[in-house]
C-alpha atoms as a PDB file:
ATOM      1  CA  MET A   1      85.532 -34.170  42.410  1.00  0.00           C
ATOM      2  CA  LYS A   2      84.893 -37.940  42.157  1.00  0.00           C
ATOM      3  CA  ARG A   3      82.907 -39.016  39.106  1.00  0.00           C
ATOM      4  CA  PRO A   4      79.995 -41.330  39.757  1.00  0.00           C
ATOM      5  CA  THR A   5      80.830 -45.021  38.926  1.00  0.00           C
ATOM      6  CA  ILE A   6      79.014 -47.213  36.492  1.00  0.00           C
ATOM      7  CA  LEU A   7      78.832 -51.002  36.076  1.00  0.00           C
ATOM      8  CA  LEU A   8      77.874 -52.262  32.635  1.00  0.00           C
ATOM      9  CA  ALA A   9      76.204 -55.645  31.936  1.00  0.00           C
ATOM     10  CA  ASP A  10      75.368 -56.963  28.563  1.00  0.00           C
ATOM     11  CA  ASP A  11      76.096 -60.197  26.685  1.00  0.00           C
ATOM     12  CA  PHE A  12      76.867 -58.200  23.500  1.00  0.00           C
ATOM     13  CA  VAL A  13      80.453 -57.341  24.434  1.00  0.00           C
ATOM     14  CA  ALA A  14      81.083 -55.150  21.350  1.00  0.00           C
ATOM     15  CA  PHE A  15      78.553 -52.668  22.729  1.00  0.00           C
ATOM     16  CA  PHE A  16      80.817 -51.866  25.658  1.00  0.00           C
ATOM     17  CA  ASP A  17      82.962 -49.700  23.594  1.00  0.00           C
ATOM     18  CA  VAL A  18      80.101 -47.629  22.386  1.00  0.00           C
ATOM     19  CA  LEU A  19      78.845 -47.239  25.915  1.00  0.00           C
ATOM     20  CA  ARG A  20      82.270 -46.201  27.239  1.00  0.00           C
ATOM     21  CA  ARG A  21      82.475 -43.398  24.588  1.00  0.00           C
ATOM     22  CA  ILE A  22      79.140 -42.202  25.723  1.00  0.00           C
ATOM     23  CA  LEU A  23      79.701 -42.627  29.495  1.00  0.00           C
ATOM     24  CA  GLU A  24      83.318 -41.874  30.185  1.00  0.00           C
ATOM     25  CA  PRO A  25      83.396 -38.049  29.732  1.00  0.00           C
ATOM     26  CA  GLU A  26      81.108 -37.727  32.736  1.00  0.00           C
ATOM     27  CA  PHE A  27      81.250 -41.041  34.560  1.00  0.00           C
ATOM     28  CA  GLU A  28      83.707 -43.707  35.517  1.00  0.00           C
ATOM     29  CA  VAL A  29      83.047 -47.156  34.171  1.00  0.00           C
ATOM     30  CA  ILE A  30      84.319 -49.445  36.805  1.00  0.00           C
ATOM     31  CA  GLY A  31      83.452 -52.716  35.282  1.00  0.00           C
ATOM     32  CA  THR A  32      81.873 -54.823  32.535  1.00  0.00           C
ATOM     33  CA  VAL A  33      80.263 -58.237  32.863  1.00  0.00           C
ATOM     34  CA  GLU A  34      78.645 -60.464  30.270  1.00  0.00           C
ATOM     35  CA  ASP A  35      75.947 -62.343  32.303  1.00  0.00           C
ATOM     36  CA  GLY A  36      73.609 -61.901  35.287  1.00  0.00           C
ATOM     37  CA  ARG A  37      75.549 -63.937  37.777  1.00  0.00           C
ATOM     38  CA  ALA A  38      78.816 -62.111  37.101  1.00  0.00           C
ATOM     39  CA  LEU A  39      76.731 -58.734  37.346  1.00  0.00           C
ATOM     40  CA  ILE A  40      75.448 -59.747  40.880  1.00  0.00           C
ATOM     41  CA  ASP A  41      78.989 -60.701  41.957  1.00  0.00           C
ATOM     42  CA  ALA A  42      80.576 -57.499  40.509  1.00  0.00           C
ATOM     43  CA  ALA A  43      77.963 -55.295  41.931  1.00  0.00           C
ATOM     44  CA  ILE A  44      78.511 -56.657  45.514  1.00  0.00           C
ATOM     45  CA  ARG A  45      82.264 -56.366  45.123  1.00  0.00           C
ATOM     46  CA  LEU A  46      82.425 -52.930  43.250  1.00  0.00           C
ATOM     47  CA  ILE A  47      79.482 -51.088  44.793  1.00  0.00           C
ATOM     48  CA  PRO A  48      78.776 -48.949  41.720  1.00  0.00           C
ATOM     49  CA  ASP A  49      76.659 -45.721  41.925  1.00  0.00           C
ATOM     50  CA  VAL A  50      74.699 -47.117  38.879  1.00  0.00           C
ATOM     51  CA  ILE A  51      74.205 -50.295  37.068  1.00  0.00           C
ATOM     52  CA  VAL A  52      73.313 -50.273  33.308  1.00  0.00           C
ATOM     53  CA  SER A  53      72.137 -53.629  32.266  1.00  0.00           C
ATOM     54  CA  ASP A  54      70.525 -55.510  29.397  1.00  0.00           C
ATOM     55  CA  ILE A  55      67.478 -57.628  30.336  1.00  0.00           C
ATOM     56  CA  GLY A  56      68.156 -60.717  28.315  1.00  0.00           C
ATOM     57  CA  MET A  57      71.515 -62.134  29.532  1.00  0.00           C
ATOM     58  CA  PRO A  58      72.848 -65.651  30.124  1.00  0.00           C
ATOM     59  CA  ILE A  59      72.721 -67.497  33.371  1.00  0.00           C
ATOM     60  CA  VAL A  60      70.595 -64.868  35.296  1.00  0.00           C
ATOM     61  CA  SER A  61      68.374 -62.264  33.574  1.00  0.00           C
ATOM     62  CA  GLY A  62      68.683 -58.604  34.277  1.00  0.00           C
ATOM     63  CA  PHE A  63      65.300 -58.783  36.060  1.00  0.00           C
ATOM     64  CA  GLU A  64      66.528 -61.508  38.365  1.00  0.00           C
ATOM     65  CA  ALA A  65      69.884 -59.689  39.048  1.00  0.00           C
ATOM     66  CA  LEU A  66      67.833 -56.486  39.927  1.00  0.00           C
ATOM     67  CA  ARG A  67      65.605 -58.456  42.290  1.00  0.00           C
ATOM     68  CA  HIS A  68      68.610 -60.042  43.995  1.00  0.00           C
ATOM     69  CA  LEU A  69      70.683 -56.760  44.218  1.00  0.00           C
ATOM     70  CA  ILE A  70      67.829 -54.655  45.511  1.00  0.00           C
ATOM     71  CA  ALA A  71      67.142 -57.185  48.305  1.00  0.00           C
ATOM     72  CA  ILE A  72      70.644 -56.629  49.666  1.00  0.00           C
ATOM     73  CA  GLN A  73      71.328 -53.039  48.450  1.00  0.00           C
ATOM     74  CA  PRO A  74      67.803 -51.424  48.424  1.00  0.00           C
ATOM     75  CA  HIS A  75      69.013 -47.928  47.299  1.00  0.00           C
ATOM     76  CA  ILE A  76      70.715 -49.338  44.137  1.00  0.00           C
ATOM     77  CA  ARG A  77      70.349 -47.305  40.988  1.00  0.00           C
ATOM     78  CA  PHE A  78      69.676 -49.810  38.191  1.00  0.00           C
ATOM     79  CA  ILE A  79      68.911 -48.793  34.560  1.00  0.00           C
ATOM     80  CA  PHE A  80      67.776 -51.230  31.900  1.00  0.00           C
ATOM     81  CA  LEU A  81      69.337 -50.575  28.400  1.00  0.00           C
ATOM     82  CA  THR A  82      67.440 -52.961  26.245  1.00  0.00           C
ATOM     83  CA  ILE A  83      65.592 -53.531  22.905  1.00  0.00           C
ATOM     84  CA  TYR A  84      62.569 -54.879  24.566  1.00  0.00           C
ATOM     85  CA  ASN A  85      59.614 -52.328  24.042  1.00  0.00           C
ATOM     86  CA  ASP A  86      57.091 -54.317  25.833  1.00  0.00           C
ATOM     87  CA  PRO A  87      54.789 -52.516  28.339  1.00  0.00           C
ATOM     88  CA  ALA A  88      54.717 -55.518  30.640  1.00  0.00           C
ATOM     89  CA  PHE A  89      58.570 -55.503  30.814  1.00  0.00           C
ATOM     90  CA  ILE A  90      58.634 -51.731  31.445  1.00  0.00           C
ATOM     91  CA  GLU A  91      55.990 -52.029  34.181  1.00  0.00           C
ATOM     92  CA  HIS A  92      57.948 -55.067  35.648  1.00  0.00           C
ATOM     93  CA  ALA A  93      61.184 -53.021  35.652  1.00  0.00           C
ATOM     94  CA  GLU A  94      59.772 -50.140  37.462  1.00  0.00           C
ATOM     95  CA  GLY A  95      57.709 -52.246  39.981  1.00  0.00           C
ATOM     96  CA  ALA A  96      60.928 -54.205  40.771  1.00  0.00           C
ATOM     97  CA  GLY A  97      62.826 -50.949  41.726  1.00  0.00           C
ATOM     98  CA  ALA A  98      64.664 -49.967  38.497  1.00  0.00           C
ATOM     99  CA  SER A  99      65.532 -46.341  38.107  1.00  0.00           C
ATOM    100  CA  GLY A 100      65.024 -46.260  34.327  1.00  0.00           C
ATOM    101  CA  TYR A 101      64.336 -48.154  31.032  1.00  0.00           C
ATOM    102  CA  VAL A 102      66.227 -47.000  27.993  1.00  0.00           C
ATOM    103  CA  ASP A 103      65.980 -48.040  24.219  1.00  0.00           C
ATOM    104  CA  LYS A 104      69.424 -49.372  23.068  1.00  0.00           C
ATOM    105  CA  SER A 105      68.953 -47.526  19.836  1.00  0.00           C
ATOM    106  CA  ARG A 106      68.671 -44.202  21.825  1.00  0.00           C
ATOM    107  CA  ALA A 107      71.561 -44.781  24.171  1.00  0.00           C
ATOM    108  CA  ASP A 108      73.472 -41.919  22.664  1.00  0.00           C
ATOM    109  CA  SER A 109      70.772 -39.304  23.433  1.00  0.00           C
ATOM    110  CA  GLU A 110      68.931 -40.887  26.461  1.00  0.00           C
ATOM    111  CA  LEU A 111      71.439 -42.901  28.648  1.00  0.00           C
ATOM    112  CA  LEU A 112      73.031 -39.938  30.132  1.00  0.00           C
ATOM    113  CA  PRO A 113      69.811 -38.125  31.215  1.00  0.00           C
ATOM    114  CA  ALA A 114      68.614 -41.476  32.663  1.00  0.00           C
ATOM    115  CA  ILE A 115      71.703 -41.853  34.721  1.00  0.00           C
ATOM    116  CA  ARG A 116      71.634 -38.330  35.922  1.00  0.00           C
ATOM    117  CA  LYS A 117      67.901 -38.685  36.962  1.00  0.00           C
ATOM    118  CA  ALA A 118      68.681 -41.936  38.698  1.00  0.00           C
ATOM    119  CA  LEU A 119      71.591 -40.239  40.734  1.00  0.00           C
ATOM    120  CA  SER A 120      69.364 -37.317  41.605  1.00  0.00           C
ATOM    121  CA  GLU A 121      66.718 -39.932  42.780  1.00  0.00           C
ATOM    122  CA  GLY A 122      64.238 -38.509  40.387  1.00  0.00           C
ATOM    123  CA  GLU A 123      61.272 -40.192  38.918  1.00  0.00           C
ATOM    124  CA  PHE A 124      61.605 -43.399  36.759  1.00  0.00           C
ATOM    125  CA  TYR A 125      63.172 -42.546  33.460  1.00  0.00           C
ATOM    126  CA  LEU A 126      61.301 -44.034  30.442  1.00  0.00           C
ATOM    127  CA  SER A 127      62.845 -43.968  26.964  1.00  0.00           C
ATOM    128  CA  LYS A 128      60.861 -43.015  23.930  1.00  0.00           C
ATOM    129  CA  PHE A 129      60.527 -46.239  21.915  1.00  0.00           C
ATOM    130  CA  GLY A 130      59.840 -46.396  18.225  1.00  0.00           C
ATOM    131  CA  THR A 131      59.589 -42.687  17.519  1.00  0.00           C
END
């Protein structure tokens, strides 16, 4: 059975190894990118099942990348993995069509459930911040 594919986007490259250890037992990481422009290009070329992206990235932000990609791939599954615990950011992410919003410090316990929920087209996954 084919494992769902994941594209990772974060300007903190060292974090990719951590994410791979979390994801690869269940998912196939098909690419990593370090900025929002590269994210858009890779998503169009690779067509991942889920994108896991930071918000604050060089060239194009995660929010801008989501807006662009959802316009051309409306059913895209996009999860923000971020340190930003701002209700306005969370509301913006959900309103823009993201499938989830996960605190980076909880990636080990919350990223897999968020991805599973995105793939099953469940409700928006919201991380527990600061608890």
